[in-house]
Amino acid sequence: MNLEKLTEQAKSVLQSAQMYAVANSHQQFTPEHIMHALLKSEDGLVPQLISTCGADINNINNNSSNGLGYQPP
């Protein structure tokens, strides 16, 4: 993947996702890490869309965190 073609926001999300994986000693960097970073991005489109749909973003964030807790260390 050519990171130079990504927007600054996309680079930031990928970096956050990778840092989360490393900080939690996960052996693999997965799409779930990216989803978690997208959900946590305060100025991102994903949390706004989820809230606009009427879903509870905090509940989704918690479920995302819990799911990532099952990653092998």
PDB file of N, CA and C in Angstrom:
ATOM      1  N   MET A   1       0.845  -1.159   0.000  1.00  0.00           N
ATOM      2  CA  MET A   1       0.000   0.000   0.000  1.00  0.00           C
ATOM      3  C   MET A   1       0.901   1.236   0.000  1.00  0.00           C
ATOM      4  N   ASN A   2       0.600   2.161  -0.868  1.00  0.00           N
ATOM      5  CA  ASN A   2       1.359   3.400  -0.952  1.00  0.00           C
ATOM      6  C   ASN A   2       0.725   4.431  -0.013  1.00  0.00           C
ATOM      7  N   LEU A   3       1.373   4.655   1.124  1.00  0.00           N
ATOM      8  CA  LEU A   3       0.822   5.572   2.126  1.00  0.00           C
ATOM      9  C   LEU A   3       0.818   7.019   1.656  1.00  0.00           C
ATOM     10  N   GLU A   4       1.614   7.332   0.664  1.00  0.00           N
ATOM     11  CA  GLU A   4       1.657   8.707   0.157  1.00  0.00           C
ATOM     12  C   GLU A   4       0.353   9.103  -0.532  1.00  0.00           C
ATOM     13  N   LYS A   5      -0.419   8.134  -0.969  1.00  0.00           N
ATOM     14  CA  LYS A   5      -1.680   8.418  -1.652  1.00  0.00           C
ATOM     15  C   LYS A   5      -2.853   8.616  -0.692  1.00  0.00           C
ATOM     16  N   LEU A   6      -2.619   8.380   0.589  1.00  0.00           N
ATOM     17  CA  LEU A   6      -3.687   8.514   1.581  1.00  0.00           C
ATOM     18  C   LEU A   6      -3.778   9.947   2.094  1.00  0.00           C
ATOM     19  N   THR A   7      -4.959  10.317   2.542  1.00  0.00           N
ATOM     20  CA  THR A   7      -5.131  11.631   3.160  1.00  0.00           C
ATOM     21  C   THR A   7      -4.452  11.628   4.535  1.00  0.00           C
ATOM     22  N   GLU A   8      -4.241  12.797   5.076  1.00  0.00           N
ATOM     23  CA  GLU A   8      -3.635  12.905   6.407  1.00  0.00           C
ATOM     24  C   GLU A   8      -4.521  12.245   7.461  1.00  0.00           C
ATOM     25  N   GLN A   9      -5.826  12.385   7.303  1.00  0.00           N
ATOM     26  CA  GLN A   9      -6.743  11.770   8.262  1.00  0.00           C
ATOM     27  C   GLN A   9      -6.675  10.237   8.176  1.00  0.00           C
ATOM     28  N   ALA A  10      -6.590   9.700   6.972  1.00  0.00           N
ATOM     29  CA  ALA A  10      -6.477   8.252   6.812  1.00  0.00           C
ATOM     30  C   ALA A  10      -5.170   7.748   7.408  1.00  0.00           C
ATOM     31  N   LYS A  11      -4.091   8.479   7.196  1.00  0.00           N
ATOM     32  CA  LYS A  11      -2.802   8.105   7.788  1.00  0.00           C
ATOM     33  C   LYS A  11      -2.889   8.114   9.307  1.00  0.00           C
ATOM     34  N   SER A  12      -3.562   9.112   9.844  1.00  0.00           N
ATOM     35  CA  SER A  12      -3.709   9.227  11.286  1.00  0.00           C
ATOM     36  C   SER A  12      -4.494   8.051  11.863  1.00  0.00           C
ATOM     37  N   VAL A  13      -5.559   7.645  11.174  1.00  0.00           N
ATOM     38  CA  VAL A  13      -6.370   6.507  11.632  1.00  0.00           C
ATOM     39  C   VAL A  13      -5.537   5.232  11.614  1.00  0.00           C
ATOM     40  N   LEU A  14      -4.791   5.010  10.548  1.00  0.00           N
ATOM     41  CA  LEU A  14      -3.945   3.811  10.470  1.00  0.00           C
ATOM     42  C   LEU A  14      -2.885   3.814  11.562  1.00  0.00           C
ATOM     43  N   GLN A  15      -2.294   4.974  11.807  1.00  0.00           N
ATOM     44  CA  GLN A  15      -1.288   5.075  12.851  1.00  0.00           C
ATOM     45  C   GLN A  15      -1.895   4.797  14.225  1.00  0.00           C
ATOM     46  N   SER A  16      -3.065   5.335  14.492  1.00  0.00           N
ATOM     47  CA  SER A  16      -3.748   5.089  15.768  1.00  0.00           C
ATOM     48  C   SER A  16      -4.073   3.607  15.933  1.00  0.00           C
ATOM     49  N   ALA A  17      -4.534   2.991  14.869  1.00  0.00           N
ATOM     50  CA  ALA A  17      -4.876   1.569  14.919  1.00  0.00           C
ATOM     51  C   ALA A  17      -3.638   0.719  15.195  1.00  0.00           C
ATOM     52  N   GLN A  18      -2.554   1.051  14.541  1.00  0.00           N
ATOM     53  CA  GLN A  18      -1.311   0.295  14.745  1.00  0.00           C
ATOM     54  C   GLN A  18      -0.784   0.502  16.165  1.00  0.00           C
ATOM     55  N   MET A  19      -0.839   1.730  16.651  1.00  0.00           N
ATOM     56  CA  MET A  19      -0.375   2.007  18.013  1.00  0.00           C
ATOM     57  C   MET A  19      -1.215   1.252  19.039  1.00  0.00           C
ATOM     58  N   TYR A  20      -2.526   1.147  18.796  1.00  0.00           N
ATOM     59  CA  TYR A  20      -3.396   0.398  19.699  1.00  0.00           C
ATOM     60  C   TYR A  20      -3.000  -1.078  19.717  1.00  0.00           C
ATOM     61  N   ALA A  21      -2.740  -1.627  18.541  1.00  0.00           N
ATOM     62  CA  ALA A  21      -2.343  -3.035  18.454  1.00  0.00           C
ATOM     63  C   ALA A  21      -1.029  -3.278  19.192  1.00  0.00           C
ATOM     64  N   VAL A  22      -0.069  -2.411  18.990  1.00  0.00           N
ATOM     65  CA  VAL A  22       1.232  -2.557  19.649  1.00  0.00           C
ATOM     66  C   VAL A  22       1.091  -2.384  21.160  1.00  0.00           C
ATOM     67  N   ALA A  23       0.347  -1.371  21.587  1.00  0.00           N
ATOM     68  CA  ALA A  23       0.181  -1.094  23.016  1.00  0.00           C
ATOM     69  C   ALA A  23      -0.484  -2.247  23.753  1.00  0.00           C
ATOM     70  N   ASN A  24      -1.309  -3.020  23.031  1.00  0.00           N
ATOM     71  CA  ASN A  24      -2.005  -4.154  23.643  1.00  0.00           C
ATOM     72  C   ASN A  24      -1.334  -5.482  23.339  1.00  0.00           C
ATOM     73  N   SER A  25      -0.121  -5.425  22.822  1.00  0.00           N
ATOM     74  CA  SER A  25       0.696  -6.617  22.533  1.00  0.00           C
ATOM     75  C   SER A  25       0.010  -7.607  21.601  1.00  0.00           C
ATOM     76  N   HIS A  26      -0.741  -7.090  20.643  1.00  0.00           N
ATOM     77  CA  HIS A  26      -1.384  -7.964  19.672  1.00  0.00           C
ATOM     78  C   HIS A  26      -0.371  -8.351  18.597  1.00  0.00           C
ATOM     79  N   GLN A  27      -0.380  -9.611  18.224  1.00  0.00           N
ATOM     80  CA  GLN A  27       0.566 -10.118  17.244  1.00  0.00           C
ATOM     81  C   GLN A  27       0.248  -9.645  15.837  1.00  0.00           C
ATOM     82  N   GLN A  28      -1.011  -9.372  15.585  1.00  0.00           N
ATOM     83  CA  GLN A  28      -1.433  -8.973  14.240  1.00  0.00           C
ATOM     84  C   GLN A  28      -2.155  -7.634  14.291  1.00  0.00           C
ATOM     85  N   PHE A  29      -2.012  -6.906  13.200  1.00  0.00           N
ATOM     86  CA  PHE A  29      -2.714  -5.648  12.984  1.00  0.00           C
ATOM     87  C   PHE A  29      -3.871  -5.983  12.057  1.00  0.00           C
ATOM     88  N   THR A  30      -5.115  -5.906  12.573  1.00  0.00           N
ATOM     89  CA  THR A  30      -6.276  -6.420  11.846  1.00  0.00           C
ATOM     90  C   THR A  30      -7.245  -5.301  11.445  1.00  0.00           C
ATOM     91  N   PRO A  31      -8.192  -5.618  10.573  1.00  0.00           N
ATOM     92  CA  PRO A  31      -9.234  -4.636  10.231  1.00  0.00           C
ATOM     93  C   PRO A  31     -10.016  -4.166  11.456  1.00  0.00           C
ATOM     94  N   GLU A  32     -10.113  -5.020  12.471  1.00  0.00           N
ATOM     95  CA  GLU A  32     -10.811  -4.627  13.690  1.00  0.00           C
ATOM     96  C   GLU A  32     -10.085  -3.479  14.394  1.00  0.00           C
ATOM     97  N   HIS A  33      -8.767  -3.443  14.304  1.00  0.00           N
ATOM     98  CA  HIS A  33      -8.003  -2.334  14.878  1.00  0.00           C
ATOM     99  C   HIS A  33      -8.327  -1.033  14.133  1.00  0.00           C
ATOM    100  N   ILE A  34      -8.466  -1.141  12.823  1.00  0.00           N
ATOM    101  CA  ILE A  34      -8.794   0.045  12.022  1.00  0.00           C
ATOM    102  C   ILE A  34     -10.207   0.521  12.359  1.00  0.00           C
ATOM    103  N   MET A  35     -11.144  -0.428  12.482  1.00  0.00           N
ATOM    104  CA  MET A  35     -12.509  -0.063  12.842  1.00  0.00           C
ATOM    105  C   MET A  35     -12.527   0.643  14.203  1.00  0.00           C
ATOM    106  N   HIS A  36     -11.774   0.117  15.143  1.00  0.00           N
ATOM    107  CA  HIS A  36     -11.710   0.712  16.475  1.00  0.00           C
ATOM    108  C   HIS A  36     -11.170   2.143  16.386  1.00  0.00           C
ATOM    109  N   ALA A  37     -10.134   2.353  15.600  1.00  0.00           N
ATOM    110  CA  ALA A  37      -9.567   3.697  15.438  1.00  0.00           C
ATOM    111  C   ALA A  37     -10.564   4.632  14.753  1.00  0.00           C
ATOM    112  N   LEU A  38     -11.291   4.135  13.777  1.00  0.00           N
ATOM    113  CA  LEU A  38     -12.302   4.958  13.107  1.00  0.00           C
ATOM    114  C   LEU A  38     -13.409   5.371  14.074  1.00  0.00           C
ATOM    115  N   LEU A  39     -13.813   4.445  14.926  1.00  0.00           N
ATOM    116  CA  LEU A  39     -14.851   4.750  15.906  1.00  0.00           C
ATOM    117  C   LEU A  39     -14.379   5.775  16.929  1.00  0.00           C
ATOM    118  N   LYS A  40     -13.101   5.743  17.250  1.00  0.00           N
ATOM    119  CA  LYS A  40     -12.539   6.638  18.260  1.00  0.00           C
ATOM    120  C   LYS A  40     -12.158   8.007  17.707  1.00  0.00           C
ATOM    121  N   SER A  41     -12.104   8.143  16.385  1.00  0.00           N
ATOM    122  CA  SER A  41     -11.684   9.424  15.804  1.00  0.00           C
ATOM    123  C   SER A  41     -12.749  10.482  16.071  1.00  0.00           C
ATOM    124  N   GLU A  42     -12.376  11.472  16.854  1.00  0.00           N
ATOM    125  CA  GLU A  42     -13.347  12.472  17.306  1.00  0.00           C
ATOM    126  C   GLU A  42     -13.879  13.344  16.174  1.00  0.00           C
ATOM    127  N   ASP A  43     -13.028  13.631  15.206  1.00  0.00           N
ATOM    128  CA  ASP A  43     -13.463  14.505  14.106  1.00  0.00           C
ATOM    129  C   ASP A  43     -13.762  13.709  12.835  1.00  0.00           C
ATOM    130  N   GLY A  44     -13.900  12.391  12.977  1.00  0.00           N
ATOM    131  CA  GLY A  44     -14.126  11.539  11.824  1.00  0.00           C
ATOM    132  C   GLY A  44     -15.586  11.427  11.423  1.00  0.00           C
ATOM    133  N   LEU A  45     -15.782  10.919  10.253  1.00  0.00           N
ATOM    134  CA  LEU A  45     -17.117  10.765   9.697  1.00  0.00           C
ATOM    135  C   LEU A  45     -17.866   9.577  10.313  1.00  0.00           C
ATOM    136  N   VAL A  46     -17.163   8.521  10.656  1.00  0.00           N
ATOM    137  CA  VAL A  46     -17.805   7.301  11.140  1.00  0.00           C
ATOM    138  C   VAL A  46     -18.626   7.544  12.415  1.00  0.00           C
ATOM    139  N   PRO A  47     -18.063   8.177  13.460  1.00  0.00           N
ATOM    140  CA  PRO A  47     -18.889   8.418  14.648  1.00  0.00           C
ATOM    141  C   PRO A  47     -20.104   9.301  14.356  1.00  0.00           C
ATOM    142  N   GLN A  48     -19.943  10.266  13.463  1.00  0.00           N
ATOM    143  CA  GLN A  48     -21.065  11.137  13.109  1.00  0.00           C
ATOM    144  C   GLN A  48     -22.166  10.350  12.413  1.00  0.00           C
ATOM    145  N   LEU A  49     -21.783   9.482  11.486  1.00  0.00           N
ATOM    146  CA  LEU A  49     -22.777   8.677  10.770  1.00  0.00           C
ATOM    147  C   LEU A  49     -23.519   7.736  11.711  1.00  0.00           C
ATOM    148  N   ILE A  50     -22.780   7.115  12.598  1.00  0.00           N
ATOM    149  CA  ILE A  50     -23.401   6.187  13.540  1.00  0.00           C
ATOM    150  C   ILE A  50     -24.391   6.919  14.446  1.00  0.00           C
ATOM    151  N   SER A  51     -23.980   8.078  14.933  1.00  0.00           N
ATOM    152  CA  SER A  51     -24.876   8.869  15.790  1.00  0.00           C
ATOM    153  C   SER A  51     -26.099   9.342  15.022  1.00  0.00           C
ATOM    154  N   THR A  52     -25.900   9.755  13.777  1.00  0.00           N
ATOM    155  CA  THR A  52     -27.012  10.211  12.944  1.00  0.00           C
ATOM    156  C   THR A  52     -28.026   9.088  12.711  1.00  0.00           C
ATOM    157  N   CYS A  53     -27.543   7.868  12.644  1.00  0.00           N
ATOM    158  CA  CYS A  53     -28.437   6.716  12.459  1.00  0.00           C
ATOM    159  C   CYS A  53     -29.189   6.361  13.733  1.00  0.00           C
ATOM    160  N   GLY A  54     -28.825   7.011  14.832  1.00  0.00           N
ATOM    161  CA  GLY A  54     -29.519   6.758  16.083  1.00  0.00           C
ATOM    162  C   GLY A  54     -28.892   5.684  16.937  1.00  0.00           C
ATOM    163  N   ALA A  55     -27.746   5.176  16.528  1.00  0.00           N
ATOM    164  CA  ALA A  55     -27.083   4.134  17.311  1.00  0.00           C
ATOM    165  C   ALA A  55     -26.291   4.767  18.451  1.00  0.00           C
ATOM    166  N   ASP A  56     -26.027   3.985  19.467  1.00  0.00           N
ATOM    167  CA  ASP A  56     -25.265   4.443  20.625  1.00  0.00           C
ATOM    168  C   ASP A  56     -23.779   4.227  20.360  1.00  0.00           C
ATOM    169  N   ILE A  57     -23.069   5.308  20.040  1.00  0.00           N
ATOM    170  CA  ILE A  57     -21.650   5.213  19.694  1.00  0.00           C
ATOM    171  C   ILE A  57     -20.821   4.678  20.855  1.00  0.00           C
ATOM    172  N   ASN A  58     -21.196   5.017  22.077  1.00  0.00           N
ATOM    173  CA  ASN A  58     -20.440   4.517  23.237  1.00  0.00           C
ATOM    174  C   ASN A  58     -20.565   3.006  23.367  1.00  0.00           C
ATOM    175  N   ASN A  59     -21.756   2.485  23.123  1.00  0.00           N
ATOM    176  CA  ASN A  59     -21.972   1.044  23.173  1.00  0.00           C
ATOM    177  C   ASN A  59     -21.153   0.340  22.088  1.00  0.00           C
ATOM    178  N   ILE A  60     -21.137   0.904  20.900  1.00  0.00           N
ATOM    179  CA  ILE A  60     -20.366   0.321  19.804  1.00  0.00           C
ATOM    180  C   ILE A  60     -18.876   0.377  20.119  1.00  0.00           C
ATOM    181  N   ASN A  61     -18.406   1.496  20.680  1.00  0.00           N
ATOM    182  CA  ASN A  61     -17.001   1.606  21.081  1.00  0.00           C
ATOM    183  C   ASN A  61     -16.637   0.545  22.112  1.00  0.00           C
ATOM    184  N   ASN A  62     -17.507   0.355  23.094  1.00  0.00           N
ATOM    185  CA  ASN A  62     -17.241  -0.651  24.127  1.00  0.00           C
ATOM    186  C   ASN A  62     -17.191  -2.048  23.543  1.00  0.00           C
ATOM    187  N   ASN A  63     -18.127  -2.357  22.638  1.00  0.00           N
ATOM    188  CA  ASN A  63     -18.119  -3.673  22.001  1.00  0.00           C
ATOM    189  C   ASN A  63     -16.865  -3.877  21.159  1.00  0.00           C
ATOM    190  N   SER A  64     -16.424  -2.822  20.496  1.00  0.00           N
ATOM    191  CA  SER A  64     -15.202  -2.893  19.705  1.00  0.00           C
ATOM    192  C   SER A  64     -14.008  -3.179  20.609  1.00  0.00           C
ATOM    193  N   SER A  65     -13.921  -2.465  21.710  1.00  0.00           N
ATOM    194  CA  SER A  65     -12.817  -2.677  22.666  1.00  0.00           C
ATOM    195  C   SER A  65     -12.852  -4.090  23.243  1.00  0.00           C
ATOM    196  N   ASN A  66     -14.044  -4.548  23.587  1.00  0.00           N
ATOM    197  CA  ASN A  66     -14.173  -5.899  24.131  1.00  0.00           C
ATOM    198  C   ASN A  66     -13.772  -6.950  23.112  1.00  0.00           C
ATOM    199  N   GLY A  67     -14.168  -6.752  21.864  1.00  0.00           N
ATOM    200  CA  GLY A  67     -13.797  -7.692  20.814  1.00  0.00           C
ATOM    201  C   GLY A  67     -12.307  -7.755  20.594  1.00  0.00           C
ATOM    202  N   LEU A  68     -11.661  -6.624  20.661  1.00  0.00           N
ATOM    203  CA  LEU A  68     -10.212  -6.600  20.485  1.00  0.00           C
ATOM    204  C   LEU A  68      -9.501  -7.205  21.687  1.00  0.00           C
ATOM    205  N   GLY A  69     -10.181  -7.274  22.816  1.00  0.00           N
ATOM    206  CA  GLY A  69      -9.591  -7.899  23.988  1.00  0.00           C
ATOM    207  C   GLY A  69      -9.377  -9.384  23.811  1.00  0.00           C
ATOM    208  N   TYR A  70     -10.041  -9.968  22.828  1.00  0.00           N
ATOM    209  CA  TYR A  70      -9.908 -11.404  22.571  1.00  0.00           C
ATOM    210  C   TYR A  70      -8.810 -11.722  21.571  1.00  0.00           C
ATOM    211  N   GLN A  71      -8.055 -10.700  21.138  1.00  0.00           N
ATOM    212  CA  GLN A  71      -6.927 -10.937  20.231  1.00  0.00           C
ATOM    213  C   GLN A  71      -5.837 -11.667  20.984  1.00  0.00           C
ATOM    214  N   PRO A  72      -5.164 -12.607  20.328  1.00  0.00           N
ATOM    215  CA  PRO A  72      -4.042 -13.272  21.023  1.00  0.00           C
ATOM    216  C   PRO A  72      -2.912 -12.281  21.248  1.00  0.00           C
ATOM    217  N   PRO A  73      -2.308 -12.343  22.426  1.00  0.00           N
ATOM    218  CA  PRO A  73      -1.202 -11.419  22.729  1.00  0.00           C
ATOM    219  C   PRO A  73       0.032 -11.703  21.889  1.00  0.00           C
TER     220      PRO A  73
END
